[in-house]
């Protein structure tokens, strides 16, 4: 299933499903039952007569997945399936994938969303065509070396610029409404707070946090880039 919606937009939902059933040589009787199952699976039954081009982004992805599943494949490959899809539809799409997994389907997903990667059984982190790490999500989170700190502030960009200039940090990255950082050798958290105060910056909280998959990816990506330059 490609990232870009590639079904026939002038065909209805029902017509697209029957087209792909015919394409994969699914017997007519079996196809009807399978399509009915997919309607219950995807929630598309009420849109059976709507042209594919008139569907929302989330419904288009559900239709594309349904067309791919109409011949009951044992393995499916999804290329950034929720790119540009609203949060509610993203959640519904992943609920469908969870049910497929429970039925024994093997699923390979490429995604730039680290929260989605964390939903998988195993995660491979890739950068520049190289596989940086492969493991279960929880195991990846525990691989982050040292202590990671989270700085929550209403001035994240200013704080990031100041910290990068200070030389007080090892790693330093913008994360949403704050900054994730590690401390340079012989630097204390009190030293960071003192420096930020001298710069006139305020913060809501500054404390050790649990590293996420994205934190590890950024660290490995940086190490990989340095290795390539060497």
Protein backbone atom coordinates (compact mmCIF):
# COMPACT_ATOMS: atom_id res chain seq x y z
CA UNK A 1 0.00 0.00 0.00
CA UNK A 2 1.78 3.18 -1.19
CA UNK A 3 1.76 6.49 0.65
CA UNK A 4 -0.02 8.30 -2.19
CA UNK A 5 -3.66 7.32 -2.75
CA UNK A 6 -3.59 5.38 -6.01
CA UNK A 7 -7.07 3.86 -6.40
CA UNK A 8 -9.55 4.80 -9.12
CA UNK A 9 -11.09 8.01 -7.87
CA UNK A 10 -14.03 7.91 -10.29
CA UNK A 11 -15.12 4.48 -8.99
CA UNK A 12 -17.19 4.07 -5.86
CA UNK A 13 -15.93 2.34 -2.73
CA UNK A 14 -17.86 -0.79 -3.69
CA UNK A 15 -16.60 -0.72 -7.29
CA UNK A 16 -12.98 -0.38 -6.18
CA UNK A 17 -13.31 -3.34 -3.84
CA UNK A 18 -14.87 -5.54 -6.54
CA UNK A 19 -12.23 -4.42 -9.04
CA UNK A 20 -9.39 -5.53 -6.79
CA UNK A 21 -11.17 -8.76 -5.91
CA UNK A 22 -11.35 -9.52 -9.65
CA UNK A 23 -7.73 -8.44 -10.11
CA UNK A 24 -6.62 -11.00 -7.50
CA UNK A 25 -8.92 -13.71 -8.91
CA UNK A 26 -11.07 -13.95 -5.79
CA UNK A 27 -14.18 -16.06 -6.63
CA UNK A 28 -17.34 -13.93 -6.78
CA UNK A 29 -19.09 -15.65 -3.87
CA UNK A 30 -16.03 -15.42 -1.67
CA UNK A 31 -15.43 -11.82 -2.73
CA UNK A 32 -18.92 -10.77 -1.61
CA UNK A 33 -18.39 -12.26 1.84
CA UNK A 34 -14.90 -10.81 2.08
CA UNK A 35 -16.10 -7.33 1.10
CA UNK A 36 -18.89 -7.51 3.69
CA UNK A 37 -16.29 -8.43 6.31
CA UNK A 38 -14.09 -5.53 5.22
CA UNK A 39 -17.00 -3.12 5.54
CA UNK A 40 -17.48 -4.17 9.14
CA UNK A 41 -13.73 -4.02 9.63
CA UNK A 42 -13.20 -0.52 8.19
CA UNK A 43 -16.51 1.22 8.88
CA UNK A 44 -16.91 2.05 5.17
CA UNK A 45 -20.29 0.37 4.66
CA UNK A 46 -22.20 3.67 4.79
CA UNK A 47 -19.92 5.04 2.06
CA UNK A 48 -20.19 2.10 -0.35
CA UNK A 49 -21.76 4.23 -3.10
CA UNK A 50 -19.48 7.25 -2.66
CA UNK A 51 -16.81 7.85 -5.28
CA UNK A 52 -13.31 7.32 -3.92
CA UNK A 53 -12.26 10.81 -4.96
CA UNK A 54 -14.91 12.29 -2.64
CA UNK A 55 -13.66 10.49 0.49
CA UNK A 56 -11.73 12.15 3.30
CA UNK A 57 -8.03 11.37 3.71
CA UNK A 58 -8.68 8.89 6.49
CA UNK A 59 -11.40 7.06 4.58
CA UNK A 60 -9.21 6.90 1.47
CA UNK A 61 -6.53 5.12 3.49
CA UNK A 62 -9.09 2.70 4.92
CA UNK A 63 -10.33 1.97 1.39
CA UNK A 64 -6.79 1.44 0.10
CA UNK A 65 -6.10 -0.97 2.97
CA UNK A 66 -9.37 -2.80 2.33
CA UNK A 67 -8.55 -3.22 -1.37
CA UNK A 68 -5.19 -4.64 -0.39
CA UNK A 69 -6.82 -7.07 2.05
CA UNK A 70 -9.57 -8.32 -0.25
CA UNK A 71 -7.51 -11.40 -1.24
CA UNK A 72 -6.45 -12.14 2.38
CA UNK A 73 -2.66 -11.70 2.06
CA UNK A 74 -0.43 -13.12 4.79
CA UNK A 75 1.91 -10.11 4.65
CA UNK A 76 1.18 -6.43 4.02
CA UNK A 77 3.64 -3.57 3.47
CA UNK A 78 2.50 -0.02 4.26
CA UNK A 79 4.43 3.11 3.22
CA UNK A 80 3.65 5.94 5.65
CA UNK A 81 -0.06 4.98 5.68
CA UNK A 82 -1.22 7.79 7.99
CA UNK A 83 0.73 10.69 6.47
CA UNK A 84 -1.55 13.74 6.37
CA UNK A 85 -4.38 11.89 8.13
CA UNK A 86 -6.21 13.50 11.06
CA UNK A 87 -5.56 12.13 14.60
CA UNK A 88 -8.93 10.38 14.94
CA UNK A 89 -8.53 8.57 11.61
CA UNK A 90 -4.95 7.69 12.50
CA UNK A 91 -6.14 5.98 15.67
CA UNK A 92 -8.91 4.12 13.81
CA UNK A 93 -6.43 2.97 11.18
CA UNK A 94 -4.09 1.55 13.80
CA UNK A 95 -6.96 -0.23 15.53
CA UNK A 96 -7.55 -2.01 12.21
CA UNK A 97 -3.86 -2.97 12.06
CA UNK A 98 -4.01 -4.33 15.61
CA UNK A 99 -6.90 -6.59 14.64
CA UNK A 100 -5.02 -7.79 11.58
CA UNK A 101 -2.02 -8.61 13.76
CA UNK A 102 -4.23 -10.61 16.11
CA UNK A 103 -5.43 -12.61 13.09
CA UNK A 104 -1.84 -13.51 12.25
CA UNK A 105 -1.10 -11.04 9.45
CA UNK A 106 2.53 -9.90 9.21
CA UNK A 107 2.68 -6.11 8.88
CA UNK A 108 5.66 -4.00 7.81
CA UNK A 109 5.15 -0.25 8.24
CA UNK A 110 7.39 2.67 7.34
CA UNK A 111 6.58 5.82 9.31
CA UNK A 112 8.13 9.10 10.35
CA UNK A 113 5.90 9.23 13.45
CA UNK A 114 7.80 7.84 16.42
CA UNK A 115 4.62 7.40 18.46
CA UNK A 116 3.40 5.04 15.72
CA UNK A 117 6.72 3.20 15.66
CA UNK A 118 6.27 2.58 19.38
CA UNK A 119 3.05 0.66 18.62
CA UNK A 120 4.91 -1.99 16.65
CA UNK A 121 6.35 -5.26 17.99
CA UNK A 122 9.81 -4.45 16.61
CA UNK A 123 11.29 -1.20 15.35
CA UNK A 124 14.14 -0.57 12.95
CA UNK A 125 15.62 2.95 13.00
CA UNK A 126 17.02 3.99 9.62
CA UNK A 127 19.01 7.02 8.47
CA UNK A 128 20.76 7.63 5.18
CA UNK A 129 19.92 4.14 3.98
CA UNK A 130 21.58 2.53 7.00
CA UNK A 131 19.89 0.53 9.76
CA UNK A 132 20.98 2.13 13.04
CA UNK A 133 19.19 -0.15 15.50
CA UNK A 134 16.57 -2.90 15.62
CA UNK A 135 14.75 -4.03 18.75
CA UNK A 136 11.47 -4.00 20.62
CA UNK A 137 10.26 -0.45 21.39
CA UNK A 138 10.82 -0.75 25.14
CA UNK A 139 14.32 -2.13 24.63
CA UNK A 140 15.18 0.80 22.36
CA UNK A 141 14.01 3.31 24.96
CA UNK A 142 16.33 1.78 27.57
CA UNK A 143 19.35 2.00 25.25
CA UNK A 144 19.71 5.75 25.64
CA UNK A 145 23.01 6.34 27.49
CA UNK A 146 23.27 8.62 30.49
CA UNK A 147 20.61 10.91 31.90
CA UNK A 148 18.26 12.87 29.67
CA UNK A 149 16.67 16.08 30.95
CA UNK A 150 13.47 17.77 29.88
CA UNK A 151 13.21 21.55 29.97
CA UNK A 152 9.64 22.80 29.68
CA UNK A 153 9.44 26.48 28.83
CA UNK A 154 7.33 29.03 26.99
CA UNK A 155 10.53 30.11 25.17
CA UNK A 156 11.76 26.80 23.67
CA UNK A 157 13.51 28.29 20.65
CA UNK A 158 15.33 30.93 22.69
CA UNK A 159 16.28 28.30 25.27
CA UNK A 160 17.60 25.96 22.58
CA UNK A 161 19.72 28.71 21.00
CA UNK A 162 21.15 29.71 24.38
CA UNK A 163 21.94 26.14 25.41
CA UNK A 164 23.61 25.31 22.09
CA UNK A 165 25.87 28.35 22.48
CA UNK A 166 26.69 27.59 26.12
CA UNK A 167 28.79 24.47 25.69
CA UNK A 168 27.05 23.08 28.77
CA UNK A 169 25.12 20.38 26.91
CA UNK A 170 25.99 17.13 25.20
CA UNK A 171 22.79 16.53 23.22
CA UNK A 172 20.27 19.34 22.84
CA UNK A 173 17.08 19.12 20.75
CA UNK A 174 13.78 20.96 20.46
CA UNK A 175 10.83 18.81 21.53
CA UNK A 176 7.37 20.36 21.27
CA UNK A 177 7.04 22.96 24.01
CA UNK A 178 10.49 22.36 25.43
CA UNK A 179 14.01 21.07 25.01
CA UNK A 180 15.53 17.64 25.64
CA UNK A 181 19.20 17.72 26.63
CA UNK A 182 22.06 15.88 28.25
CA UNK A 183 24.72 17.55 30.37
CA UNK A 184 28.31 17.99 29.30
CA UNK A 185 31.02 16.50 31.52
CA UNK A 186 31.24 18.08 34.99
CA UNK A 187 28.13 20.19 34.37
CA UNK A 188 25.29 20.00 36.93
CA UNK A 189 21.60 20.66 36.50
CA UNK A 190 22.05 23.63 38.85
CA UNK A 191 24.62 25.00 36.42
CA UNK A 192 22.09 24.83 33.60
CA UNK A 193 19.46 26.61 35.69
CA UNK A 194 21.93 29.29 36.69
CA UNK A 195 22.93 29.86 33.07
CA UNK A 196 19.32 30.11 31.89
CA UNK A 197 18.59 32.61 34.67
CA UNK A 198 21.55 34.74 33.59
CA UNK A 199 20.09 34.77 30.07
CA UNK A 200 16.76 35.99 31.39
CA UNK A 201 14.95 32.80 30.42
CA UNK A 202 12.17 31.26 32.48
CA UNK A 203 10.96 27.67 32.64
CA UNK A 204 8.13 25.64 34.11
CA UNK A 205 10.13 22.53 34.89
CA UNK A 206 13.60 21.08 34.45
CA UNK A 207 14.17 17.48 35.52
CA UNK A 208 15.40 14.06 34.38
CA UNK A 209 12.99 12.34 31.98
CA UNK A 210 12.63 8.92 30.38
CA UNK A 211 14.14 8.86 26.89
CA UNK A 212 11.87 8.00 23.99
CA UNK A 213 12.53 6.30 20.68
CA UNK A 214 12.90 9.68 18.98
CA UNK A 215 15.60 10.71 21.47
CA UNK A 216 17.58 7.57 20.67
CA UNK A 217 17.07 8.05 16.94
CA UNK A 218 18.43 11.61 17.04
CA UNK A 219 21.46 10.42 19.02
CA UNK A 220 22.18 7.53 16.66
CA UNK A 221 21.58 9.74 13.64
CA UNK A 222 24.19 12.21 14.90
CA UNK A 223 26.69 9.42 15.60
CA UNK A 224 26.04 7.97 12.17
CA UNK A 225 26.61 11.33 10.50
CA UNK A 226 29.93 11.76 12.28
CA UNK A 227 30.90 8.26 11.26
CA UNK A 228 30.13 9.02 7.61
CA UNK A 229 32.20 12.19 7.70
CA UNK A 230 35.12 10.24 9.14
